Amino acid sequence: VVSTQSTGSSGINAEYGKKREYKKVNIDKIQDLQDDLQDMMEDANEIQEIMGQQYGMPDVDDAELEAELDALGDTMFDDDMSYLDEASEVPTTIPGSSGREEPAASQLDEFGLPALS
């Protein structure tokens, strides 16, 4: 019963405190602040619009650009890429060795590198 009474009185005190604080709030100042923020946003949008102007560039359709990119993507890899075959060859000698002796297959790890003992 005591906890219920203290909870009730706490709620009443909170309500009075809230009413006191709301009396201190100046709605006109809040509205002025909101108006100022709105004006600033409009100014920022206007600046962005000015900065985004294109000079000497024709208007380009995004769908047209996308179609051109798709067409390029289809033919981009049609070229001869045999130069990649040479790059994928694995050397058979250990760098720094004379190259005369090859390590036995049992001395190589799963990646073809000399196994560590």
PDB file of N, CA and C in Angstrom:
ATOM      1  N   VAL A   1       0.838  -1.184   0.000  1.00  0.00           N
ATOM      2  CA  VAL A   1       0.000   0.000   0.000  1.00  0.00           C
ATOM      3  C   VAL A   1       0.886   1.253   0.000  1.00  0.00           C
ATOM      4  N   VAL A   2       1.969   1.195   0.789  1.00  0.00           N
ATOM      5  CA  VAL A   2       2.866   2.355   0.875  1.00  0.00           C
ATOM      6  C   VAL A   2       3.525   2.610  -0.477  1.00  0.00           C
ATOM      7  N   SER A   3       3.951   1.542  -1.162  1.00  0.00           N
ATOM      8  CA  SER A   3       4.601   1.726  -2.459  1.00  0.00           C
ATOM      9  C   SER A   3       3.622   2.286  -3.490  1.00  0.00           C
ATOM     10  N   THR A   4       2.362   1.903  -3.397  1.00  0.00           N
ATOM     11  CA  THR A   4       1.350   2.424  -4.314  1.00  0.00           C
ATOM     12  C   THR A   4       1.140   3.907  -4.073  1.00  0.00           C
ATOM     13  N   GLN A   5       1.113   4.317  -2.784  1.00  0.00           N
ATOM     14  CA  GLN A   5       0.951   5.731  -2.453  1.00  0.00           C
ATOM     15  C   GLN A   5       2.158   6.539  -2.937  1.00  0.00           C
ATOM     16  N   SER A   6       3.376   6.003  -2.730  1.00  0.00           N
ATOM     17  CA  SER A   6       4.553   6.753  -3.158  1.00  0.00           C
ATOM     18  C   SER A   6       4.609   6.839  -4.688  1.00  0.00           C
ATOM     19  N   THR A   7       4.173   5.788  -5.361  1.00  0.00           N
ATOM     20  CA  THR A   7       4.135   5.818  -6.822  1.00  0.00           C
ATOM     21  C   THR A   7       3.139   6.866  -7.299  1.00  0.00           C
ATOM     22  N   GLY A   8       1.989   6.916  -6.645  1.00  0.00           N
ATOM     23  CA  GLY A   8       0.965   7.906  -7.010  1.00  0.00           C
ATOM     24  C   GLY A   8       1.442   9.319  -6.759  1.00  0.00           C
ATOM     25  N   SER A   9       2.086   9.561  -5.617  1.00  0.00           N
ATOM     26  CA  SER A   9       2.554  10.920  -5.320  1.00  0.00           C
ATOM     27  C   SER A   9       3.701  11.306  -6.251  1.00  0.00           C
ATOM     28  N   SER A  10       4.525  10.329  -6.646  1.00  0.00           N
ATOM     29  CA  SER A  10       5.605  10.623  -7.601  1.00  0.00           C
ATOM     30  C   SER A  10       5.027  11.050  -8.937  1.00  0.00           C
ATOM     31  N   GLY A  11       3.970  10.375  -9.359  1.00  0.00           N
ATOM     32  CA  GLY A  11       3.316  10.743 -10.623  1.00  0.00           C
ATOM     33  C   GLY A  11       2.726  12.127 -10.569  1.00  0.00           C
ATOM     34  N   ILE A  12       2.122  12.477  -9.432  1.00  0.00           N
ATOM     35  CA  ILE A  12       1.522  13.809  -9.271  1.00  0.00           C
ATOM     36  C   ILE A  12       2.615  14.871  -9.287  1.00  0.00           C
ATOM     37  N   ASN A  13       3.722  14.609  -8.559  1.00  0.00           N
ATOM     38  CA  ASN A  13       4.838  15.568  -8.537  1.00  0.00           C
ATOM     39  C   ASN A  13       5.440  15.743  -9.935  1.00  0.00           C
ATOM     40  N   ALA A  14       5.546  14.658 -10.663  1.00  0.00           N
ATOM     41  CA  ALA A  14       6.086  14.732 -12.025  1.00  0.00           C
ATOM     42  C   ALA A  14       5.175  15.571 -12.910  1.00  0.00           C
ATOM     43  N   GLU A  15       3.882  15.415 -12.746  1.00  0.00           N
ATOM     44  CA  GLU A  15       2.923  16.179 -13.539  1.00  0.00           C
ATOM     45  C   GLU A  15       3.036  17.671 -13.230  1.00  0.00           C
ATOM     46  N   TYR A  16       3.152  18.018 -11.948  1.00  0.00           N
ATOM     47  CA  TYR A  16       3.319  19.429 -11.574  1.00  0.00           C
ATOM     48  C   TYR A  16       4.631  19.981 -12.135  1.00  0.00           C
ATOM     49  N   GLY A  17       5.684  19.186 -12.040  1.00  0.00           N
ATOM     50  CA  GLY A  17       6.975  19.628 -12.574  1.00  0.00           C
ATOM     51  C   GLY A  17       6.918  19.855 -14.076  1.00  0.00           C
ATOM     52  N   LYS A  18       6.236  18.963 -14.767  1.00  0.00           N
ATOM     53  CA  LYS A  18       6.095  19.098 -16.216  1.00  0.00           C
ATOM     54  C   LYS A  18       5.322  20.369 -16.561  1.00  0.00           C
ATOM     55  N   LYS A  19       4.260  20.649 -15.818  1.00  0.00           N
ATOM     56  CA  LYS A  19       3.475  21.862 -16.073  1.00  0.00           C
ATOM     57  C   LYS A  19       4.298  23.113 -15.829  1.00  0.00           C
ATOM     58  N   ARG A  20       5.127  23.106 -14.762  1.00  0.00           N
ATOM     59  CA  ARG A  20       5.992  24.260 -14.478  1.00  0.00           C
ATOM     60  C   ARG A  20       6.987  24.485 -15.612  1.00  0.00           C
ATOM     61  N   GLU A  21       7.580  23.415 -16.097  1.00  0.00           N
ATOM     62  CA  GLU A  21       8.581  23.533 -17.161  1.00  0.00           C
ATOM     63  C   GLU A  21       7.949  23.968 -18.483  1.00  0.00           C
ATOM     64  N   TYR A  22       6.751  23.479 -18.767  1.00  0.00           N
ATOM     65  CA  TYR A  22       6.074  23.891 -19.993  1.00  0.00           C
ATOM     66  C   TYR A  22       5.708  25.371 -19.969  1.00  0.00           C
ATOM     67  N   LYS A  23       5.483  25.918 -18.783  1.00  0.00           N
ATOM     68  CA  LYS A  23       5.187  27.350 -18.693  1.00  0.00           C
ATOM     69  C   LYS A  23       6.403  28.178 -19.072  1.00  0.00           C
ATOM     70  N   LYS A  24       7.606  27.611 -18.878  1.00  0.00           N
ATOM     71  CA  LYS A  24       8.843  28.319 -19.219  1.00  0.00           C
ATOM     72  C   LYS A  24       9.145  28.274 -20.715  1.00  0.00           C
ATOM     73  N   VAL A  25       8.522  27.368 -21.413  1.00  0.00           N
ATOM     74  CA  VAL A  25       8.794  27.202 -22.849  1.00  0.00           C
ATOM     75  C   VAL A  25       8.103  28.315 -23.622  1.00  0.00           C
ATOM     76  N   ASN A  26       8.867  28.956 -24.482  1.00  0.00           N
ATOM     77  CA  ASN A  26       8.330  30.022 -25.311  1.00  0.00           C
ATOM     78  C   ASN A  26       8.061  29.444 -26.707  1.00  0.00           C
ATOM     79  N   ILE A  27       6.815  29.215 -27.009  1.00  0.00           N
ATOM     80  CA  ILE A  27       6.415  28.606 -28.276  1.00  0.00           C
ATOM     81  C   ILE A  27       6.830  29.488 -29.453  1.00  0.00           C
ATOM     82  N   ASP A  28       6.789  30.796 -29.275  1.00  0.00           N
ATOM     83  CA  ASP A  28       7.175  31.701 -30.362  1.00  0.00           C
ATOM     84  C   ASP A  28       8.649  31.525 -30.727  1.00  0.00           C
ATOM     85  N   LYS A  29       9.512  31.325 -29.718  1.00  0.00           N
ATOM     86  CA  LYS A  29      10.938  31.120 -30.001  1.00  0.00           C
ATOM     87  C   LYS A  29      11.151  29.800 -30.753  1.00  0.00           C
ATOM     88  N   ILE A  30      10.410  28.783 -30.385  1.00  0.00           N
ATOM     89  CA  ILE A  30      10.519  27.493 -31.069  1.00  0.00           C
ATOM     90  C   ILE A  30      10.066  27.633 -32.513  1.00  0.00           C
ATOM     91  N   GLN A  31       8.966  28.363 -32.723  1.00  0.00           N
ATOM     92  CA  GLN A  31       8.470  28.567 -34.086  1.00  0.00           C
ATOM     93  C   GLN A  31       9.468  29.368 -34.906  1.00  0.00           C
ATOM     94  N   ASP A  32      10.075  30.389 -34.298  1.00  0.00           N
ATOM     95  CA  ASP A  32      11.091  31.180 -35.000  1.00  0.00           C
ATOM     96  C   ASP A  32      12.293  30.313 -35.377  1.00  0.00           C
ATOM     97  N   LEU A  33      12.700  29.452 -34.473  1.00  0.00           N
ATOM     98  CA  LEU A  33      13.816  28.551 -34.745  1.00  0.00           C
ATOM     99  C   LEU A  33      13.476  27.613 -35.901  1.00  0.00           C
ATOM    100  N   GLN A  34      12.277  27.077 -35.905  1.00  0.00           N
ATOM    101  CA  GLN A  34      11.836  26.195 -36.990  1.00  0.00           C
ATOM    102  C   GLN A  34      11.814  26.947 -38.324  1.00  0.00           C
ATOM    103  N   ASP A  35      11.345  28.197 -38.299  1.00  0.00           N
ATOM    104  CA  ASP A  35      11.322  29.009 -39.520  1.00  0.00           C
ATOM    105  C   ASP A  35      12.743  29.260 -40.032  1.00  0.00           C
ATOM    106  N   ASP A  36      13.661  29.574 -39.095  1.00  0.00           N
ATOM    107  CA  ASP A  36      15.059  29.801 -39.477  1.00  0.00           C
ATOM    108  C   ASP A  36      15.670  28.543 -40.087  1.00  0.00           C
ATOM    109  N   LEU A  37      15.392  27.386 -39.503  1.00  0.00           N
ATOM    110  CA  LEU A  37      15.911  26.127 -40.037  1.00  0.00           C
ATOM    111  C   LEU A  37      15.345  25.846 -41.424  1.00  0.00           C
ATOM    112  N   GLN A  38      14.077  26.139 -41.610  1.00  0.00           N
ATOM    113  CA  GLN A  38      13.445  25.956 -42.920  1.00  0.00           C
ATOM    114  C   GLN A  38      14.103  26.849 -43.961  1.00  0.00           C
ATOM    115  N   ASP A  39      14.359  28.104 -43.591  1.00  0.00           N
ATOM    116  CA  ASP A  39      15.026  29.038 -44.508  1.00  0.00           C
ATOM    117  C   ASP A  39      16.427  28.546 -44.858  1.00  0.00           C
ATOM    118  N   MET A  40      17.146  28.036 -43.867  1.00  0.00           N
ATOM    119  CA  MET A  40      18.496  27.527 -44.112  1.00  0.00           C
ATOM    120  C   MET A  40      18.462  26.331 -45.060  1.00  0.00           C
ATOM    121  N   MET A  41      17.488  25.453 -44.896  1.00  0.00           N
ATOM    122  CA  MET A  41      17.366  24.293 -45.779  1.00  0.00           C
ATOM    123  C   MET A  41      17.053  24.733 -47.209  1.00  0.00           C
ATOM    124  N   GLU A  42      16.194  25.713 -47.351  1.00  0.00           N
ATOM    125  CA  GLU A  42      15.874  26.228 -48.684  1.00  0.00           C
ATOM    126  C   GLU A  42      17.107  26.842 -49.334  1.00  0.00           C
ATOM    127  N   ASP A  43      17.884  27.605 -48.541  1.00  0.00           N
ATOM    128  CA  ASP A  43      19.122  28.192 -49.063  1.00  0.00           C
ATOM    129  C   ASP A  43      20.106  27.103 -49.482  1.00  0.00           C
ATOM    130  N   ALA A  44      20.259  26.061 -48.671  1.00  0.00           N
ATOM    131  CA  ALA A  44      21.182  24.970 -48.983  1.00  0.00           C
ATOM    132  C   ALA A  44      20.733  24.254 -50.257  1.00  0.00           C
ATOM    133  N   ASN A  45      19.449  24.033 -50.415  1.00  0.00           N
ATOM    134  CA  ASN A  45      18.942  23.390 -51.630  1.00  0.00           C
ATOM    135  C   ASN A  45      19.186  24.254 -52.860  1.00  0.00           C
ATOM    136  N   GLU A  46      19.020  25.560 -52.701  1.00  0.00           N
ATOM    137  CA  GLU A  46      19.263  26.472 -53.820  1.00  0.00           C
ATOM    138  C   GLU A  46      20.738  26.456 -54.215  1.00  0.00           C
ATOM    139  N   ILE A  47      21.621  26.437 -53.232  1.00  0.00           N
ATOM    140  CA  ILE A  47      23.057  26.378 -53.509  1.00  0.00           C
ATOM    141  C   ILE A  47      23.405  25.071 -54.218  1.00  0.00           C
ATOM    142  N   GLN A  48      22.841  23.964 -53.752  1.00  0.00           N
ATOM    143  CA  GLN A  48      23.092  22.668 -54.395  1.00  0.00           C
ATOM    144  C   GLN A  48      22.615  22.676 -55.839  1.00  0.00           C
ATOM    145  N   GLU A  49      21.482  23.283 -56.071  1.00  0.00           N
ATOM    146  CA  GLU A  49      20.943  23.350 -57.427  1.00  0.00           C
ATOM    147  C   GLU A  49      21.859  24.165 -58.333  1.00  0.00           C
ATOM    148  N   ILE A  50      22.364  25.287 -57.816  1.00  0.00           N
ATOM    149  CA  ILE A  50      23.275  26.131 -58.592  1.00  0.00           C
ATOM    150  C   ILE A  50      24.583  25.383 -58.867  1.00  0.00           C
ATOM    151  N   MET A  51      25.119  24.720 -57.858  1.00  0.00           N
ATOM    152  CA  MET A  51      26.386  24.007 -58.019  1.00  0.00           C
ATOM    153  C   MET A  51      26.247  22.799 -58.943  1.00  0.00           C
ATOM    154  N   GLY A  52      25.063  22.275 -59.079  1.00  0.00           N
ATOM    155  CA  GLY A  52      24.846  21.099 -59.902  1.00  0.00           C
ATOM    156  C   GLY A  52      24.546  21.403 -61.358  1.00  0.00           C
ATOM    157  N   GLN A  53      24.588  22.666 -61.744  1.00  0.00           N
ATOM    158  CA  GLN A  53      24.299  23.014 -63.128  1.00  0.00           C
ATOM    159  C   GLN A  53      25.413  22.503 -64.034  1.00  0.00           C
ATOM    160  N   GLN A  54      25.033  22.079 -65.227  1.00  0.00           N
ATOM    161  CA  GLN A  54      25.999  21.609 -66.213  1.00  0.00           C
ATOM    162  C   GLN A  54      26.192  22.705 -67.243  1.00  0.00           C
ATOM    163  N   TYR A  55      27.454  22.982 -67.538  1.00  0.00           N
ATOM    164  CA  TYR A  55      27.769  24.006 -68.518  1.00  0.00           C
ATOM    165  C   TYR A  55      28.336  23.339 -69.766  1.00  0.00           C
ATOM    166  N   GLY A  56      27.690  23.541 -70.882  1.00  0.00           N
ATOM    167  CA  GLY A  56      28.167  23.002 -72.136  1.00  0.00           C
ATOM    168  C   GLY A  56      27.963  21.505 -72.287  1.00  0.00           C
ATOM    169  N   MET A  57      27.237  20.910 -71.386  1.00  0.00           N
ATOM    170  CA  MET A  57      26.974  19.471 -71.461  1.00  0.00           C
ATOM    171  C   MET A  57      25.499  19.271 -71.792  1.00  0.00           C
ATOM    172  N   PRO A  58      25.234  18.425 -72.762  1.00  0.00           N
ATOM    173  CA  PRO A  58      23.817  18.162 -73.070  1.00  0.00           C
ATOM    174  C   PRO A  58      23.194  17.305 -71.975  1.00  0.00           C
ATOM    175  N   ASP A  59      21.898  17.397 -71.875  1.00  0.00           N
ATOM    176  CA  ASP A  59      21.193  16.533 -70.929  1.00  0.00           C
ATOM    177  C   ASP A  59      21.302  15.097 -71.417  1.00  0.00           C
ATOM    178  N   VAL A  60      21.621  14.192 -70.499  1.00  0.00           N
ATOM    179  CA  VAL A  60      21.818  12.793 -70.855  1.00  0.00           C
ATOM    180  C   VAL A  60      20.773  11.960 -70.148  1.00  0.00           C
ATOM    181  N   ASP A  61      20.198  11.049 -70.893  1.00  0.00           N
ATOM    182  CA  ASP A  61      19.189  10.159 -70.352  1.00  0.00           C
ATOM    183  C   ASP A  61      19.876   9.010 -69.617  1.00  0.00           C
ATOM    184  N   ASP A  62      19.512   8.764 -68.361  1.00  0.00           N
ATOM    185  CA  ASP A  62      20.133   7.700 -67.567  1.00  0.00           C
ATOM    186  C   ASP A  62      19.912   6.329 -68.189  1.00  0.00           C
ATOM    187  N   ALA A  63      18.749   6.099 -68.757  1.00  0.00           N
ATOM    188  CA  ALA A  63      18.461   4.803 -69.385  1.00  0.00           C
ATOM    189  C   ALA A  63      19.374   4.579 -70.583  1.00  0.00           C
ATOM    190  N   GLU A  64      19.633   5.648 -71.325  1.00  0.00           N
ATOM    191  CA  GLU A  64      20.531   5.551 -72.484  1.00  0.00           C
ATOM    192  C   GLU A  64      21.955   5.218 -72.038  1.00  0.00           C
ATOM    193  N   LEU A  65      22.410   5.858 -70.977  1.00  0.00           N
ATOM    194  CA  LEU A  65      23.745   5.552 -70.440  1.00  0.00           C
ATOM    195  C   LEU A  65      23.832   4.118 -69.944  1.00  0.00           C
ATOM    196  N   GLU A  66      22.802   3.655 -69.289  1.00  0.00           N
ATOM    197  CA  GLU A  66      22.776   2.276 -68.772  1.00  0.00           C
ATOM    198  C   GLU A  66      22.841   1.274 -69.916  1.00  0.00           C
ATOM    199  N   ALA A  67      22.114   1.537 -71.001  1.00  0.00           N
ATOM    200  CA  ALA A  67      22.133   0.648 -72.157  1.00  0.00           C
ATOM    201  C   ALA A  67      23.514   0.623 -72.799  1.00  0.00           C
ATOM    202  N   GLU A  68      24.158   1.781 -72.873  1.00  0.00           N
ATOM    203  CA  GLU A  68      25.507   1.837 -73.445  1.00  0.00           C
ATOM    204  C   GLU A  68      26.502   1.074 -72.578  1.00  0.00           C
ATOM    205  N   LEU A  69      26.383   1.199 -71.274  1.00  0.00           N
ATOM    206  CA  LEU A  69      27.254   0.474 -70.363  1.00  0.00           C
ATOM    207  C   LEU A  69      27.042  -1.030 -70.487  1.00  0.00           C
ATOM    208  N   ASP A  70      25.802  -1.455 -70.609  1.00  0.00           N
ATOM    209  CA  ASP A  70      25.516  -2.880 -70.794  1.00  0.00           C
ATOM    210  C   ASP A  70      26.140  -3.389 -72.085  1.00  0.00           C
ATOM    211  N   ALA A  71      26.058  -2.598 -73.157  1.00  0.00           N
ATOM    212  CA  ALA A  71      26.643  -3.003 -74.437  1.00  0.00           C
ATOM    213  C   ALA A  71      28.151  -3.108 -74.323  1.00  0.00           C
ATOM    214  N   LEU A  72      28.776  -2.191 -73.616  1.00  0.00           N
ATOM    215  CA  LEU A  72      30.231  -2.258 -73.404  1.00  0.00           C
ATOM    216  C   LEU A  72      30.596  -3.473 -72.579  1.00  0.00           C
ATOM    217  N   GLY A  73      29.793  -3.785 -71.591  1.00  0.00           N
ATOM    218  CA  GLY A  73      30.078  -4.924 -70.732  1.00  0.00           C
ATOM    219  C   GLY A  73      30.027  -6.231 -71.493  1.00  0.00           C
ATOM    220  N   ASP A  74      29.185  -6.320 -72.514  1.00  0.00           N
ATOM    221  CA  ASP A  74      29.082  -7.550 -73.299  1.00  0.00           C
ATOM    222  C   ASP A  74      30.319  -7.777 -74.153  1.00  0.00           C
ATOM    223  N   THR A  75      30.926  -6.712 -74.643  1.00  0.00           N
ATOM    224  CA  THR A  75      32.074  -6.855 -75.544  1.00  0.00           C
ATOM    225  C   THR A  75      33.405  -6.628 -74.853  1.00  0.00           C
ATOM    226  N   MET A  76      33.392  -6.253 -73.598  1.00  0.00           N
ATOM    227  CA  MET A  76      34.628  -5.898 -72.911  1.00  0.00           C
ATOM    228  C   MET A  76      35.595  -7.070 -72.820  1.00  0.00           C
ATOM    229  N   PHE A  77      35.104  -8.274 -72.647  1.00  0.00           N
ATOM    230  CA  PHE A  77      35.975  -9.419 -72.443  1.00  0.00           C
ATOM    231  C   PHE A  77      36.100 -10.288 -73.689  1.00  0.00           C
ATOM    232  N   ASP A  78      35.733  -9.747 -74.847  1.00  0.00           N
ATOM    233  CA  ASP A  78      35.882 -10.492 -76.091  1.00  0.00           C
ATOM    234  C   ASP A  78      37.316 -10.452 -76.608  1.00  0.00           C
ATOM    235  N   ASP A  79      38.155  -9.571 -76.081  1.00  0.00           N
ATOM    236  CA  ASP A  79      39.528  -9.441 -76.539  1.00  0.00           C
ATOM    237  C   ASP A  79      40.348 -10.674 -76.180  1.00  0.00           C
ATOM    238  N   ASP A  80      41.492 -10.786 -76.813  1.00  0.00           N
ATOM    239  CA  ASP A  80      42.405 -11.895 -76.550  1.00  0.00           C
ATOM    240  C   ASP A  80      43.063 -11.682 -75.194  1.00  0.00           C
ATOM    241  N   MET A  81      42.883 -12.629 -74.295  1.00  0.00           N
ATOM    242  CA  MET A  81      43.475 -12.528 -72.962  1.00  0.00           C
ATOM    243  C   MET A  81      44.478 -13.651 -72.732  1.00  0.00           C
ATOM    244  N   SER A  82      45.133 -14.096 -73.793  1.00  0.00           N
ATOM    245  CA  SER A  82      46.098 -15.179 -73.655  1.00  0.00           C
ATOM    246  C   SER A  82      47.297 -14.757 -72.813  1.00  0.00           C
ATOM    247  N   TYR A  83      47.531 -13.467 -72.664  1.00  0.00           N
ATOM    248  CA  TYR A  83      48.640 -13.005 -71.829  1.00  0.00           C
ATOM    249  C   TYR A  83      48.463 -13.446 -70.378  1.00  0.00           C
ATOM    250  N   LEU A  84      47.251 -13.746 -69.983  1.00  0.00           N
ATOM    251  CA  LEU A  84      47.021 -14.207 -68.615  1.00  0.00           C
ATOM    252  C   LEU A  84      47.519 -15.633 -68.411  1.00  0.00           C
ATOM    253  N   ASP A  85      47.553 -16.434 -69.488  1.00  0.00           N
ATOM    254  CA  ASP A  85      48.052 -17.801 -69.367  1.00  0.00           C
ATOM    255  C   ASP A  85      49.502 -17.808 -68.910  1.00  0.00           C
ATOM    256  N   GLU A  86      50.288 -16.909 -69.467  1.00  0.00           N
ATOM    257  CA  GLU A  86      51.704 -16.823 -69.107  1.00  0.00           C
ATOM    258  C   GLU A  86      51.867 -16.439 -67.641  1.00  0.00           C
ATOM    259  N   ALA A  87      51.026 -15.572 -67.165  1.00  0.00           N
ATOM    260  CA  ALA A  87      51.123 -15.120 -65.777  1.00  0.00           C
ATOM    261  C   ALA A  87      50.726 -16.209 -64.800  1.00  0.00           C
ATOM    262  N   SER A  88      49.935 -17.173 -65.236  1.00  0.00           N
ATOM    263  CA  SER A  88      49.473 -18.202 -64.316  1.00  0.00           C
ATOM    264  C   SER A  88      50.413 -19.399 -64.243  1.00  0.00           C
ATOM    265  N   GLU A  89      51.486 -19.404 -65.035  1.00  0.00           N
ATOM    266  CA  GLU A  89      52.445 -20.514 -64.982  1.00  0.00           C
ATOM    267  C   GLU A  89      53.206 -20.467 -63.666  1.00  0.00           C
ATOM    268  N   VAL A  90      53.382 -21.622 -63.047  1.00  0.00           N
ATOM    269  CA  VAL A  90      54.083 -21.718 -61.776  1.00  0.00           C
ATOM    270  C   VAL A  90      55.541 -22.065 -62.050  1.00  0.00           C
ATOM    271  N   PRO A  91      56.488 -21.345 -61.446  1.00  0.00           N
ATOM    272  CA  PRO A  91      57.905 -21.671 -61.672  1.00  0.00           C
ATOM    273  C   PRO A  91      58.229 -23.046 -61.098  1.00  0.00           C
ATOM    274  N   THR A  92      59.169 -23.735 -61.745  1.00  0.00           N
ATOM    275  CA  THR A  92      59.546 -25.076 -61.299  1.00  0.00           C
ATOM    276  C   THR A  92      60.811 -25.068 -60.466  1.00  0.00           C
ATOM    277  N   THR A  93      61.466 -23.936 -60.357  1.00  0.00           N
ATOM    278  CA  THR A  93      62.684 -23.857 -59.553  1.00  0.00           C
ATOM    279  C   THR A  93      62.457 -22.946 -58.358  1.00  0.00           C
ATOM    280  N   ILE A  94      63.287 -23.149 -57.368  1.00  0.00           N
ATOM    281  CA  ILE A  94      63.211 -22.333 -56.160  1.00  0.00           C
ATOM    282  C   ILE A  94      64.042 -21.077 -56.399  1.00  0.00           C
ATOM    283  N   PRO A  95      63.474 -19.905 -56.135  1.00  0.00           N
ATOM    284  CA  PRO A  95      64.256 -18.681 -56.334  1.00  0.00           C
ATOM    285  C   PRO A  95      65.539 -18.722 -55.502  1.00  0.00           C
ATOM    286  N   GLY A  96      66.640 -18.318 -56.116  1.00  0.00           N
ATOM    287  CA  GLY A  96      67.922 -18.310 -55.427  1.00  0.00           C
ATOM    288  C   GLY A  96      68.715 -19.589 -55.624  1.00  0.00           C
ATOM    289  N   SER A  97      68.115 -20.635 -56.175  1.00  0.00           N
ATOM    290  CA  SER A  97      68.850 -21.873 -56.425  1.00  0.00           C
ATOM    291  C   SER A  97      69.380 -21.848 -57.853  1.00  0.00           C
ATOM    292  N   SER A  98      70.271 -22.760 -58.150  1.00  0.00           N
ATOM    293  CA  SER A  98      70.861 -22.798 -59.486  1.00  0.00           C
ATOM    294  C   SER A  98      69.858 -23.253 -60.523  1.00  0.00           C
ATOM    295  N   GLY A  99      68.823 -23.913 -60.088  1.00  0.00           N
ATOM    296  CA  GLY A  99      67.795 -24.358 -60.997  1.00  0.00           C
ATOM    297  C   GLY A  99      68.076 -25.744 -61.550  1.00  0.00           C
ATOM    298  N   ARG A 100      69.205 -26.353 -61.178  1.00  0.00           N
ATOM    299  CA  ARG A 100      69.552 -27.664 -61.712  1.00  0.00           C
ATOM    300  C   ARG A 100      68.804 -28.769 -60.992  1.00  0.00           C
ATOM    301  N   GLU A 101      68.678 -28.662 -59.694  1.00  0.00           N
ATOM    302  CA  GLU A 101      68.011 -29.744 -58.965  1.00  0.00           C
ATOM    303  C   GLU A 101      66.597 -29.331 -58.591  1.00  0.00           C
ATOM    304  N   GLU A 102      65.689 -30.211 -58.866  1.00  0.00           N
ATOM    305  CA  GLU A 102      64.299 -29.966 -58.511  1.00  0.00           C
ATOM    306  C   GLU A 102      63.991 -30.720 -57.236  1.00  0.00           C
ATOM    307  N   PRO A 103      63.229 -30.123 -56.317  1.00  0.00           N
ATOM    308  CA  PRO A 103      62.868 -30.860 -55.114  1.00  0.00           C
ATOM    309  C   PRO A 103      61.955 -32.015 -55.478  1.00  0.00           C
ATOM    310  N   ALA A 104      62.103 -33.089 -54.750  1.00  0.00           N
ATOM    311  CA  ALA A 104      61.238 -34.247 -54.992  1.00  0.00           C
ATOM    312  C   ALA A 104      59.804 -33.876 -54.643  1.00  0.00           C
ATOM    313  N   ALA A 105      58.870 -34.559 -55.260  1.00  0.00           N
ATOM    314  CA  ALA A 105      57.461 -34.264 -55.035  1.00  0.00           C
ATOM    315  C   ALA A 105      57.093 -34.425 -53.570  1.00  0.00           C
ATOM    316  N   SER A 106      57.780 -35.307 -52.859  1.00  0.00           N
ATOM    317  CA  SER A 106      57.473 -35.505 -51.446  1.00  0.00           C
ATOM    318  C   SER A 106      57.957 -34.340 -50.593  1.00  0.00           C
ATOM    319  N   GLN A 107      58.859 -33.516 -51.151  1.00  0.00           N
ATOM    320  CA  GLN A 107      59.382 -32.369 -50.407  1.00  0.00           C
ATOM    321  C   GLN A 107      58.547 -31.098 -50.634  1.00  0.00           C
ATOM    322  N   LEU A 108      57.503 -31.199 -51.428  1.00  0.00           N
ATOM    323  CA  LEU A 108      56.659 -30.048 -51.710  1.00  0.00           C
ATOM    324  C   LEU A 108      55.376 -30.128 -50.894  1.00  0.00           C
ATOM    325  N   ASP A 109      54.886 -28.964 -50.511  1.00  0.00           N
ATOM    326  CA  ASP A 109      53.612 -28.957 -49.793  1.00  0.00           C
ATOM    327  C   ASP A 109      52.466 -28.949 -50.800  1.00  0.00           C
ATOM    328  N   GLU A 110      51.247 -28.780 -50.318  1.00  0.00           N
ATOM    329  CA  GLU A 110      50.074 -28.855 -51.178  1.00  0.00           C
ATOM    330  C   GLU A 110      50.000 -27.729 -52.206  1.00  0.00           C
ATOM    331  N   PHE A 111      50.776 -26.654 -52.008  1.00  0.00           N
ATOM    332  CA  PHE A 111      50.793 -25.540 -52.941  1.00  0.00           C
ATOM    333  C   PHE A 111      51.960 -25.584 -53.896  1.00  0.00           C
ATOM    334  N   GLY A 112      52.783 -26.658 -53.828  1.00  0.00           N
ATOM    335  CA  GLY A 112      53.924 -26.777 -54.708  1.00  0.00           C
ATOM    336  C   GLY A 112      55.144 -26.040 -54.210  1.00  0.00           C
ATOM    337  N   LEU A 113      55.121 -25.614 -52.963  1.00  0.00           N
ATOM    338  CA  LEU A 113      56.248 -24.908 -52.355  1.00  0.00           C
ATOM    339  C   LEU A 113      57.059 -25.891 -51.524  1.00  0.00           C
ATOM    340  N   PRO A 114      58.364 -25.602 -51.290  1.00  0.00           N
ATOM    341  CA  PRO A 114      59.163 -26.508 -50.465  1.00  0.00           C
ATOM    342  C   PRO A 114      58.539 -26.673 -49.084  1.00  0.00           C
ATOM    343  N   ALA A 115      58.427 -27.901 -48.657  1.00  0.00           N
ATOM    344  CA  ALA A 115      57.824 -28.196 -47.357  1.00  0.00           C
ATOM    345  C   ALA A 115      58.782 -27.815 -46.250  1.00  0.00           C
ATOM    346  N   LEU A 116      58.242 -27.291 -45.177  1.00  0.00           N
ATOM    347  CA  LEU A 116      59.049 -26.950 -44.005  1.00  0.00           C
ATOM    348  C   LEU A 116      59.167 -28.191 -43.114  1.00  0.00           C
ATOM    349  N   SER A 117      60.340 -28.421 -42.579  1.00  0.00           N
ATOM    350  CA  SER A 117      60.542 -29.596 -41.734  1.00  0.00           C
ATOM    351  C   SER A 117      60.164 -29.298 -40.322  1.00  0.00           C
TER     352      SER A 117
END
